[in-house]
Amino acid sequence: MVHASSEAVHLGLIVSSKHIRSILLAGALLALTACDDLGLGLGDGTEKSISEAVEDAENPVRQALAGTGTVADADRAIERKDFDLAYTILRQYLVVNPDDDAAKLSLARTYLGRSEGRNAQTVLNTLSEETKESPRAKLLRGLSLLVIGKRVEAAEQLELALAEDPTLWQAANGLGLIHDIEGNWDEAEAAYKRALRIKTDSATAYNNLGYSYLLQGRIDDATEMFSTSLALDPEPVITRSNLRLALAAKGRYADAIAGTDRENLPQVLNNIGYVAMLLGDYESADTFFNRAIDESPVYYDAAVANLERLNTLIDQPAEASPVTRVGRSVGN
């Protein structure tokens, strides 16, 4: 994901690859203000499924059963990140209005919000030729490509969208995510700051910029960005989790744990233990890993694996230890 030693010293591996995706993509998805899988009843996106939707629209019984929600209602649900409600509204709406491009764009946003990049692409492929070439369609296409890991194609679409509509801050944010994944820190920072010039109150862009700083080991800068993001929007769990990582990297373990609910305590303790291990604070790492195991209601394999790794590092001569400072890369 970013250049680092074989020991993966950057913070992205604190929990698991799933955690990395949740942090980086969440930024992407939050950033686009809405994106999600277009499961509005178009099936697999083939011509047959679209024809069936048209037939349904001509069926008076089906029309009577169709919902009364509008695209505007769905968009408001998307802004609240209530993607299930948006999906339900749009699925019903498109049965009766199968050619409505605005509804399809909203459905693509909904799919993206649910991290369903391929479904978003399927819906985007059913747009009219004119709408397919619009900046917003290119934005959503780029984000869907990013979600499924096609970064080169994603960057091309996002660059085009931003060139054609400089107000699309989500495109700049998406480019920042791509540069982060590739370890291009200067380009990532520039992209996030461009997003923030367009939308100065974007909690998402502040969070993503903070995570980029965290990956680089710029802990003070990361802490500032996460705090700013939470001041703008105190709800996102991911941003709060990132702030805990930054506080732990500063050695402020008590502050990093403060306010954690019982359900999330094992994961928080494991993450803080990993940060402590990266910092060479083996005694604290041992304490946190064991607490994570004790607090978990089920067998916590990640914490057990981290504890085993810690014991291996403790047995090594100091000069042979592969652990380095948080966010720093080795041999690059």
Foldseek 3Di string as FASTA:
>chain_A
DAFFDPVPQALLPLFHVVLNCCLLLVLLLVLQLFFQFQPLQLPLLDPVSLVVLQVLLVDVVSVVVADDDDQVNLSVCSNVLVLVVSNNNLSSVCSNVVQDQSSLLSSRRSHSSVLNLSRSVSSLVSHDPVVCPALSVLQSNLSSCVSVPNNVSSLVSLVSSCVRPVLSLSSLQSQLSSCLVHNVLVSNLVSLVSSCVNPVLRLSSLQSNLVSCQLQLVLVSSLVSLVSSCVSPVPDPSSLLSNLLSCLLVVNNVVSQPPDDLVCQLVSLSSSLSSCVLVVVLVSSLVSLVVSCVSDPDGDVSSVVVNVVSVVQVPDDPVPRPRYRHNHHPPD
